[in-house]
């Protein structure tokens, strides 16, 4: 596992991202492990999330039928 100090991480985020493509990157704060940077595939594997697209995840099933209640009041024209 690659270990990077918080200072080095802030100075070169791109290098940490490249390293995270290969293996998890531990970011230390004052010499102690504080964060772990993972690529998205590793994160999804660890959390059990599927890799379906955001659009597919947010789409509704076609068989849902919603009926809205009709308002019980009758709107009238505004008086000026």
PDB file of N, CA and C in Angstrom:
ATOM      1  N   UNK A   1       0.850  -1.178   0.000  1.00  0.00           N
ATOM      2  CA  UNK A   1       0.000   0.000   0.000  1.00  0.00           C
ATOM      3  C   UNK A   1       0.894   1.240   0.000  1.00  0.00           C
ATOM      4  N   UNK A   2       0.577   2.178  -0.845  1.00  0.00           N
ATOM      5  CA  UNK A   2       1.326   3.429  -0.935  1.00  0.00           C
ATOM      6  C   UNK A   2       0.931   4.338   0.225  1.00  0.00           C
ATOM      7  N   UNK A   3       1.911   4.989   0.832  1.00  0.00           N
ATOM      8  CA  UNK A   3       1.663   5.907   1.944  1.00  0.00           C
ATOM      9  C   UNK A   3       2.152   7.289   1.538  1.00  0.00           C
ATOM     10  N   UNK A   4       1.282   8.296   1.724  1.00  0.00           N
ATOM     11  CA  UNK A   4       1.586   9.675   1.340  1.00  0.00           C
ATOM     12  C   UNK A   4       1.218  10.577   2.508  1.00  0.00           C
ATOM     13  N   UNK A   5       2.057  11.548   2.815  1.00  0.00           N
ATOM     14  CA  UNK A   5       1.714  12.514   3.862  1.00  0.00           C
ATOM     15  C   UNK A   5       0.654  13.477   3.330  1.00  0.00           C
ATOM     16  N   UNK A   6      -0.091  14.086   4.233  1.00  0.00           N
ATOM     17  CA  UNK A   6      -1.130  15.036   3.830  1.00  0.00           C
ATOM     18  C   UNK A   6      -0.519  16.203   3.060  1.00  0.00           C
ATOM     19  N   UNK A   7       0.653  16.618   3.463  1.00  0.00           N
ATOM     20  CA  UNK A   7       1.324  17.728   2.776  1.00  0.00           C
ATOM     21  C   UNK A   7       1.676  17.342   1.339  1.00  0.00           C
ATOM     22  N   UNK A   8       2.275  16.137   1.158  1.00  0.00           N
ATOM     23  CA  UNK A   8       2.617  15.679  -0.191  1.00  0.00           C
ATOM     24  C   UNK A   8       1.364  15.472  -1.034  1.00  0.00           C
ATOM     25  N   UNK A   9       0.308  14.976  -0.403  1.00  0.00           N
ATOM     26  CA  UNK A   9      -0.957  14.782  -1.116  1.00  0.00           C
ATOM     27  C   UNK A   9      -1.477  16.114  -1.651  1.00  0.00           C
ATOM     28  N   UNK A  10      -1.469  17.142  -0.805  1.00  0.00           N
ATOM     29  CA  UNK A  10      -1.957  18.459  -1.221  1.00  0.00           C
ATOM     30  C   UNK A  10      -1.099  19.074  -2.316  1.00  0.00           C
ATOM     31  N   UNK A  11       0.192  18.783  -2.312  1.00  0.00           N
ATOM     32  CA  UNK A  11       1.085  19.359  -3.312  1.00  0.00           C
ATOM     33  C   UNK A  11       1.022  18.638  -4.650  1.00  0.00           C
ATOM     34  N   UNK A  12       0.646  17.348  -4.641  1.00  0.00           N
ATOM     35  CA  UNK A  12       0.623  16.589  -5.898  1.00  0.00           C
ATOM     36  C   UNK A  12      -0.514  15.565  -5.879  1.00  0.00           C
ATOM     37  N   UNK A  13      -1.729  16.055  -6.013  1.00  0.00           N
ATOM     38  CA  UNK A  13      -2.911  15.190  -6.005  1.00  0.00           C
ATOM     39  C   UNK A  13      -2.880  14.225  -7.187  1.00  0.00           C
ATOM     40  N   UNK A  14      -2.389  14.673  -8.319  1.00  0.00           N
ATOM     41  CA  UNK A  14      -2.343  13.819  -9.512  1.00  0.00           C
ATOM     42  C   UNK A  14      -1.508  12.562  -9.283  1.00  0.00           C
ATOM     43  N   UNK A  15      -0.396  12.696  -8.580  1.00  0.00           N
ATOM     44  CA  UNK A  15       0.446  11.526  -8.299  1.00  0.00           C
ATOM     45  C   UNK A  15      -0.291  10.543  -7.400  1.00  0.00           C
ATOM     46  N   UNK A  16      -1.030  11.056  -6.427  1.00  0.00           N
ATOM     47  CA  UNK A  16      -1.806  10.182  -5.540  1.00  0.00           C
ATOM     48  C   UNK A  16      -2.909   9.475  -6.317  1.00  0.00           C
ATOM     49  N   UNK A  17      -3.537  10.172  -7.246  1.00  0.00           N
ATOM     50  CA  UNK A  17      -4.583   9.548  -8.069  1.00  0.00           C
ATOM     51  C   UNK A  17      -4.005   8.451  -8.953  1.00  0.00           C
ATOM     52  N   UNK A  18      -2.847   8.703  -9.528  1.00  0.00           N
ATOM     53  CA  UNK A  18      -2.196   7.672 -10.356  1.00  0.00           C
ATOM     54  C   UNK A  18      -1.846   6.449  -9.516  1.00  0.00           C
ATOM     55  N   UNK A  19      -1.358   6.677  -8.302  1.00  0.00           N
ATOM     56  CA  UNK A  19      -1.017   5.562  -7.413  1.00  0.00           C
ATOM     57  C   UNK A  19      -2.270   4.798  -6.995  1.00  0.00           C
ATOM     58  N   UNK A  20      -3.395   5.504  -6.806  1.00  0.00           N
ATOM     59  CA  UNK A  20      -4.651   4.855  -6.406  1.00  0.00           C
ATOM     60  C   UNK A  20      -5.215   3.991  -7.519  1.00  0.00           C
ATOM     61  N   UNK A  21      -4.828   4.257  -8.761  1.00  0.00           N
ATOM     62  CA  UNK A  21      -5.247   3.384  -9.863  1.00  0.00           C
ATOM     63  C   UNK A  21      -4.594   2.007  -9.751  1.00  0.00           C
ATOM     64  N   UNK A  22      -3.459   1.931  -9.079  1.00  0.00           N
ATOM     65  CA  UNK A  22      -2.722   0.674  -8.933  1.00  0.00           C
ATOM     66  C   UNK A  22      -3.089  -0.031  -7.628  1.00  0.00           C
ATOM     67  N   UNK A  23      -3.126   0.736  -6.517  1.00  0.00           N
ATOM     68  CA  UNK A  23      -3.421   0.177  -5.197  1.00  0.00           C
ATOM     69  C   UNK A  23      -3.949   1.286  -4.296  1.00  0.00           C
ATOM     70  N   UNK A  24      -4.588   0.941  -3.165  1.00  0.00           N
ATOM     71  CA  UNK A  24      -5.070   1.972  -2.244  1.00  0.00           C
ATOM     72  C   UNK A  24      -3.916   2.836  -1.727  1.00  0.00           C
ATOM     73  N   UNK A  25      -4.198   4.115  -1.524  1.00  0.00           N
ATOM     74  CA  UNK A  25      -3.193   5.064  -1.040  1.00  0.00           C
ATOM     75  C   UNK A  25      -3.617   5.541   0.347  1.00  0.00           C
ATOM     76  N   UNK A  26      -2.738   5.361   1.329  1.00  0.00           N
ATOM     77  CA  UNK A  26      -3.001   5.846   2.682  1.00  0.00           C
ATOM     78  C   UNK A  26      -2.431   7.252   2.801  1.00  0.00           C
ATOM     79  N   UNK A  27      -3.268   8.193   3.256  1.00  0.00           N
ATOM     80  CA  UNK A  27      -2.831   9.571   3.470  1.00  0.00           C
ATOM     81  C   UNK A  27      -2.671   9.750   4.975  1.00  0.00           C
ATOM     82  N   UNK A  28      -1.476  10.156   5.390  1.00  0.00           N
ATOM     83  CA  UNK A  28      -1.211  10.318   6.816  1.00  0.00           C
ATOM     84  C   UNK A  28      -1.334  11.780   7.223  1.00  0.00           C
ATOM     85  N   UNK A  29      -1.716  11.984   8.470  1.00  0.00           N
ATOM     86  CA  UNK A  29      -1.788  13.320   9.056  1.00  0.00           C
ATOM     87  C   UNK A  29      -0.951  13.282  10.327  1.00  0.00           C
ATOM     88  N   UNK A  30       0.137  14.020  10.331  1.00  0.00           N
ATOM     89  CA  UNK A  30       1.098  14.020  11.445  1.00  0.00           C
ATOM     90  C   UNK A  30       1.617  12.614  11.737  1.00  0.00           C
ATOM     91  N   UNK A  31       1.884  11.867  10.657  1.00  0.00           N
ATOM     92  CA  UNK A  31       2.476  10.549  10.787  1.00  0.00           C
ATOM     93  C   UNK A  31       1.508   9.411  11.076  1.00  0.00           C
ATOM     94  N   UNK A  32       0.229   9.723  11.251  1.00  0.00           N
ATOM     95  CA  UNK A  32      -0.761   8.686  11.548  1.00  0.00           C
ATOM     96  C   UNK A  32      -1.707   8.523  10.369  1.00  0.00           C
ATOM     97  N   UNK A  33      -2.069   7.291  10.020  1.00  0.00           N
ATOM     98  CA  UNK A  33      -3.010   7.083   8.914  1.00  0.00           C
ATOM     99  C   UNK A  33      -4.325   7.815   9.186  1.00  0.00           C
ATOM    100  N   UNK A  34      -4.784   8.595   8.210  1.00  0.00           N
ATOM    101  CA  UNK A  34      -6.004   9.384   8.389  1.00  0.00           C
ATOM    102  C   UNK A  34      -7.044   9.088   7.313  1.00  0.00           C
ATOM    103  N   UNK A  35      -6.624   8.839   6.093  1.00  0.00           N
ATOM    104  CA  UNK A  35      -7.542   8.634   4.970  1.00  0.00           C
ATOM    105  C   UNK A  35      -6.988   7.564   4.040  1.00  0.00           C
ATOM    106  N   UNK A  36      -7.884   6.984   3.246  1.00  0.00           N
ATOM    107  CA  UNK A  36      -7.476   6.035   2.213  1.00  0.00           C
ATOM    108  C   UNK A  36      -8.109   6.471   0.905  1.00  0.00           C
ATOM    109  N   UNK A  37      -7.312   6.569  -0.139  1.00  0.00           N
ATOM    110  CA  UNK A  37      -7.782   6.945  -1.469  1.00  0.00           C
ATOM    111  C   UNK A  37      -7.863   5.684  -2.318  1.00  0.00           C
ATOM    112  N   UNK A  38      -9.072   5.415  -2.857  1.00  0.00           N
ATOM    113  CA  UNK A  38      -9.310   4.236  -3.694  1.00  0.00           C
ATOM    114  C   UNK A  38      -9.805   4.668  -5.055  1.00  0.00           C
ATOM    115  N   UNK A  39      -9.573   3.825  -6.064  1.00  0.00           N
ATOM    116  CA  UNK A  39     -10.235   4.101  -7.335  1.00  0.00           C
ATOM    117  C   UNK A  39     -11.688   3.635  -7.211  1.00  0.00           C
ATOM    118  N   UNK A  40     -12.544   4.081  -8.097  1.00  0.00           N
ATOM    119  CA  UNK A  40     -13.983   3.849  -7.969  1.00  0.00           C
ATOM    120  C   UNK A  40     -14.345   2.369  -8.050  1.00  0.00           C
ATOM    121  N   UNK A  41     -13.621   1.596  -8.839  1.00  0.00           N
ATOM    122  CA  UNK A  41     -13.920   0.165  -8.949  1.00  0.00           C
ATOM    123  C   UNK A  41     -13.674  -0.558  -7.628  1.00  0.00           C
ATOM    124  N   UNK A  42     -12.563  -0.233  -6.961  1.00  0.00           N
ATOM    125  CA  UNK A  42     -12.289  -0.838  -5.654  1.00  0.00           C
ATOM    126  C   UNK A  42     -13.336  -0.418  -4.633  1.00  0.00           C
ATOM    127  N   UNK A  43     -13.728   0.859  -4.657  1.00  0.00           N
ATOM    128  CA  UNK A  43     -14.743   1.354  -3.727  1.00  0.00           C
ATOM    129  C   UNK A  43     -16.067   0.623  -3.926  1.00  0.00           C
ATOM    130  N   UNK A  44     -16.499   0.491  -5.167  1.00  0.00           N
ATOM    131  CA  UNK A  44     -17.764  -0.203  -5.440  1.00  0.00           C
ATOM    132  C   UNK A  44     -17.700  -1.663  -5.024  1.00  0.00           C
ATOM    133  N   UNK A  45     -16.555  -2.296  -5.241  1.00  0.00           N
ATOM    134  CA  UNK A  45     -16.403  -3.692  -4.842  1.00  0.00           C
ATOM    135  C   UNK A  45     -16.503  -3.821  -3.321  1.00  0.00           C
ATOM    136  N   UNK A  46     -15.875  -2.915  -2.577  1.00  0.00           N
ATOM    137  CA  UNK A  46     -15.900  -2.971  -1.116  1.00  0.00           C
ATOM    138  C   UNK A  46     -17.273  -2.658  -0.534  1.00  0.00           C
ATOM    139  N   UNK A  47     -18.010  -1.753  -1.166  1.00  0.00           N
ATOM    140  CA  UNK A  47     -19.323  -1.366  -0.647  1.00  0.00           C
ATOM    141  C   UNK A  47     -20.454  -2.194  -1.220  1.00  0.00           C
ATOM    142  N   UNK A  48     -20.158  -3.024  -2.210  1.00  0.00           N
ATOM    143  CA  UNK A  48     -21.199  -3.867  -2.794  1.00  0.00           C
ATOM    144  C   UNK A  48     -22.101  -3.133  -3.764  1.00  0.00           C
ATOM    145  N   UNK A  49     -21.704  -1.959  -4.194  1.00  0.00           N
ATOM    146  CA  UNK A  49     -22.502  -1.198  -5.153  1.00  0.00           C
ATOM    147  C   UNK A  49     -22.284  -1.740  -6.552  1.00  0.00           C
ATOM    148  N   UNK A  50     -23.351  -1.695  -7.337  1.00  0.00           N
ATOM    149  CA  UNK A  50     -23.210  -2.108  -8.732  1.00  0.00           C
ATOM    150  C   UNK A  50     -22.607  -0.954  -9.527  1.00  0.00           C
ATOM    151  N   UNK A  51     -22.188  -1.243 -10.719  1.00  0.00           N
ATOM    152  CA  UNK A  51     -21.573  -0.209 -11.546  1.00  0.00           C
ATOM    153  C   UNK A  51     -22.554   0.354 -12.562  1.00  0.00           C
ATOM    154  N   UNK A  52     -23.873   0.240 -12.266  1.00  0.00           N
ATOM    155  CA  UNK A  52     -24.846   0.781 -13.205  1.00  0.00           C
ATOM    156  C   UNK A  52     -24.745   2.297 -13.242  1.00  0.00           C
ATOM    157  N   UNK A  53     -25.172   2.863 -14.310  1.00  0.00           N
ATOM    158  CA  UNK A  53     -25.049   4.302 -14.481  1.00  0.00           C
ATOM    159  C   UNK A  53     -26.008   5.040 -13.552  1.00  0.00           C
ATOM    160  N   UNK A  54     -25.705   6.299 -13.304  1.00  0.00           N
ATOM    161  CA  UNK A  54     -26.562   7.128 -12.464  1.00  0.00           C
ATOM    162  C   UNK A  54     -27.953   7.236 -13.073  1.00  0.00           C
ATOM    163  N   UNK A  55     -28.025   7.391 -14.387  1.00  0.00           N
ATOM    164  CA  UNK A  55     -29.312   7.500 -15.068  1.00  0.00           C
ATOM    165  C   UNK A  55     -30.140   6.237 -14.875  1.00  0.00           C
ATOM    166  N   UNK A  56     -29.520   5.077 -14.988  1.00  0.00           N
ATOM    167  CA  UNK A  56     -30.239   3.813 -14.800  1.00  0.00           C
ATOM    168  C   UNK A  56     -30.703   3.662 -13.354  1.00  0.00           C
ATOM    169  N   UNK A  57     -29.888   4.089 -12.407  1.00  0.00           N
ATOM    170  CA  UNK A  57     -30.253   3.978 -10.998  1.00  0.00           C
ATOM    171  C   UNK A  57     -31.418   4.896 -10.646  1.00  0.00           C
ATOM    172  N   UNK A  58     -31.521   6.048 -11.300  1.00  0.00           N
ATOM    173  CA  UNK A  58     -32.565   7.017 -10.979  1.00  0.00           C
ATOM    174  C   UNK A  58     -33.838   6.833 -11.794  1.00  0.00           C
ATOM    175  N   UNK A  59     -33.821   6.001 -12.818  1.00  0.00           N
ATOM    176  CA  UNK A  59     -35.007   5.832 -13.657  1.00  0.00           C
ATOM    177  C   UNK A  59     -36.075   5.030 -12.917  1.00  0.00           C
ATOM    178  N   UNK A  60     -37.329   5.323 -13.235  1.00  0.00           N
ATOM    179  CA  UNK A  60     -38.457   4.637 -12.609  1.00  0.00           C
ATOM    180  C   UNK A  60     -38.899   3.472 -13.486  1.00  0.00           C
ATOM    181  N   UNK A  61     -39.489   2.473 -12.854  1.00  0.00           N
ATOM    182  CA  UNK A  61     -40.055   1.359 -13.605  1.00  0.00           C
ATOM    183  C   UNK A  61     -41.230   1.850 -14.438  1.00  0.00           C
ATOM    184  N   UNK A  62     -41.448   1.212 -15.583  1.00  0.00           N
ATOM    185  CA  UNK A  62     -42.526   1.625 -16.475  1.00  0.00           C
ATOM    186  C   UNK A  62     -43.905   1.267 -15.945  1.00  0.00           C
ATOM    187  N   UNK A  63     -44.014   0.310 -15.032  1.00  0.00           N
ATOM    188  CA  UNK A  63     -45.321  -0.151 -14.595  1.00  0.00           C
ATOM    189  C   UNK A  63     -45.884   0.624 -13.404  1.00  0.00           C
ATOM    190  N   UNK A  64     -45.253   1.710 -13.005  1.00  0.00           N
ATOM    191  CA  UNK A  64     -45.766   2.505 -11.890  1.00  0.00           C
ATOM    192  C   UNK A  64     -46.822   3.474 -12.414  1.00  0.00           C
ATOM    193  N   UNK A  65     -47.989   3.446 -11.782  1.00  0.00           N
ATOM    194  CA  UNK A  65     -49.093   4.320 -12.174  1.00  0.00           C
ATOM    195  C   UNK A  65     -49.443   5.192 -10.975  1.00  0.00           C
ATOM    196  N   UNK A  66     -49.340   6.491 -11.134  1.00  0.00           N
ATOM    197  CA  UNK A  66     -49.608   7.417 -10.040  1.00  0.00           C
ATOM    198  C   UNK A  66     -50.823   8.255 -10.396  1.00  0.00           C
ATOM    199  N   UNK A  67     -51.777   8.316  -9.471  1.00  0.00           N
ATOM    200  CA  UNK A  67     -52.944   9.176  -9.650  1.00  0.00           C
ATOM    201  C   UNK A  67     -52.885  10.269  -8.598  1.00  0.00           C
ATOM    202  N   UNK A  68     -53.062  11.491  -9.039  1.00  0.00           N
ATOM    203  CA  UNK A  68     -53.041  12.614  -8.126  1.00  0.00           C
ATOM    204  C   UNK A  68     -54.469  13.003  -7.773  1.00  0.00           C
ATOM    205  N   UNK A  69     -54.678  13.369  -6.515  1.00  0.00           N
ATOM    206  CA  UNK A  69     -56.008  13.768  -6.062  1.00  0.00           C
ATOM    207  C   UNK A  69     -56.373  15.112  -6.678  1.00  0.00           C
ATOM    208  N   UNK A  70     -57.630  15.230  -7.077  1.00  0.00           N
ATOM    209  CA  UNK A  70     -58.115  16.479  -7.654  1.00  0.00           C
ATOM    210  C   UNK A  70     -58.310  17.495  -6.536  1.00  0.00           C
ATOM    211  N   UNK A  71     -57.899  18.746  -6.745  1.00  0.00           N
ATOM    212  CA  UNK A  71     -58.084  19.759  -5.698  1.00  0.00           C
ATOM    213  C   UNK A  71     -59.570  19.968  -5.409  1.00  0.00           C
ATOM    214  N   UNK A  72     -59.889  20.169  -4.131  1.00  0.00           N
ATOM    215  CA  UNK A  72     -61.285  20.334  -3.740  1.00  0.00           C
ATOM    216  C   UNK A  72     -61.741  21.787  -3.807  1.00  0.00           C
ATOM    217  N   UNK A  73     -60.880  22.705  -4.123  1.00  0.00           N
ATOM    218  CA  UNK A  73     -61.281  24.105  -4.237  1.00  0.00           C
ATOM    219  C   UNK A  73     -61.268  24.519  -5.703  1.00  0.00           C
ATOM    220  N   UNK A  74     -62.020  25.558  -6.006  1.00  0.00           N
ATOM    221  CA  UNK A  74     -62.075  26.069  -7.373  1.00  0.00           C
ATOM    222  C   UNK A  74     -61.326  27.399  -7.390  1.00  0.00           C
ATOM    223  N   UNK A  75     -60.256  27.492  -8.159  1.00  0.00           N
ATOM    224  CA  UNK A  75     -59.526  28.753  -8.204  1.00  0.00           C
ATOM    225  C   UNK A  75     -60.368  29.841  -8.870  1.00  0.00           C
ATOM    226  N   UNK A  76     -60.189  31.054  -8.417  1.00  0.00           N
ATOM    227  CA  UNK A  76     -60.924  32.162  -9.033  1.00  0.00           C
ATOM    228  C   UNK A  76     -59.935  33.224  -9.475  1.00  0.00           C
ATOM    229  N   UNK A  77     -60.389  34.086 -10.336  1.00  0.00           N
ATOM    230  CA  UNK A  77     -59.532  35.132 -10.881  1.00  0.00           C
ATOM    231  C   UNK A  77     -59.148  36.123  -9.788  1.00  0.00           C
ATOM    232  N   UNK A  78     -57.928  36.654  -9.891  1.00  0.00           N
ATOM    233  CA  UNK A  78     -57.458  37.639  -8.925  1.00  0.00           C
ATOM    234  C   UNK A  78     -58.111  38.981  -9.214  1.00  0.00           C
ATOM    235  N   UNK A  79     -58.421  39.708  -8.156  1.00  0.00           N
ATOM    236  CA  UNK A  79     -59.006  41.048  -8.306  1.00  0.00           C
ATOM    237  C   UNK A  79     -57.908  42.080  -8.095  1.00  0.00           C
ATOM    238  N   UNK A  80     -57.806  43.026  -9.049  1.00  0.00           N
ATOM    239  CA  UNK A  80     -56.797  44.080  -8.945  1.00  0.00           C
ATOM    240  C   UNK A  80     -57.436  45.411  -8.769  1.00  0.00           C
TER     241      UNK A  80
END
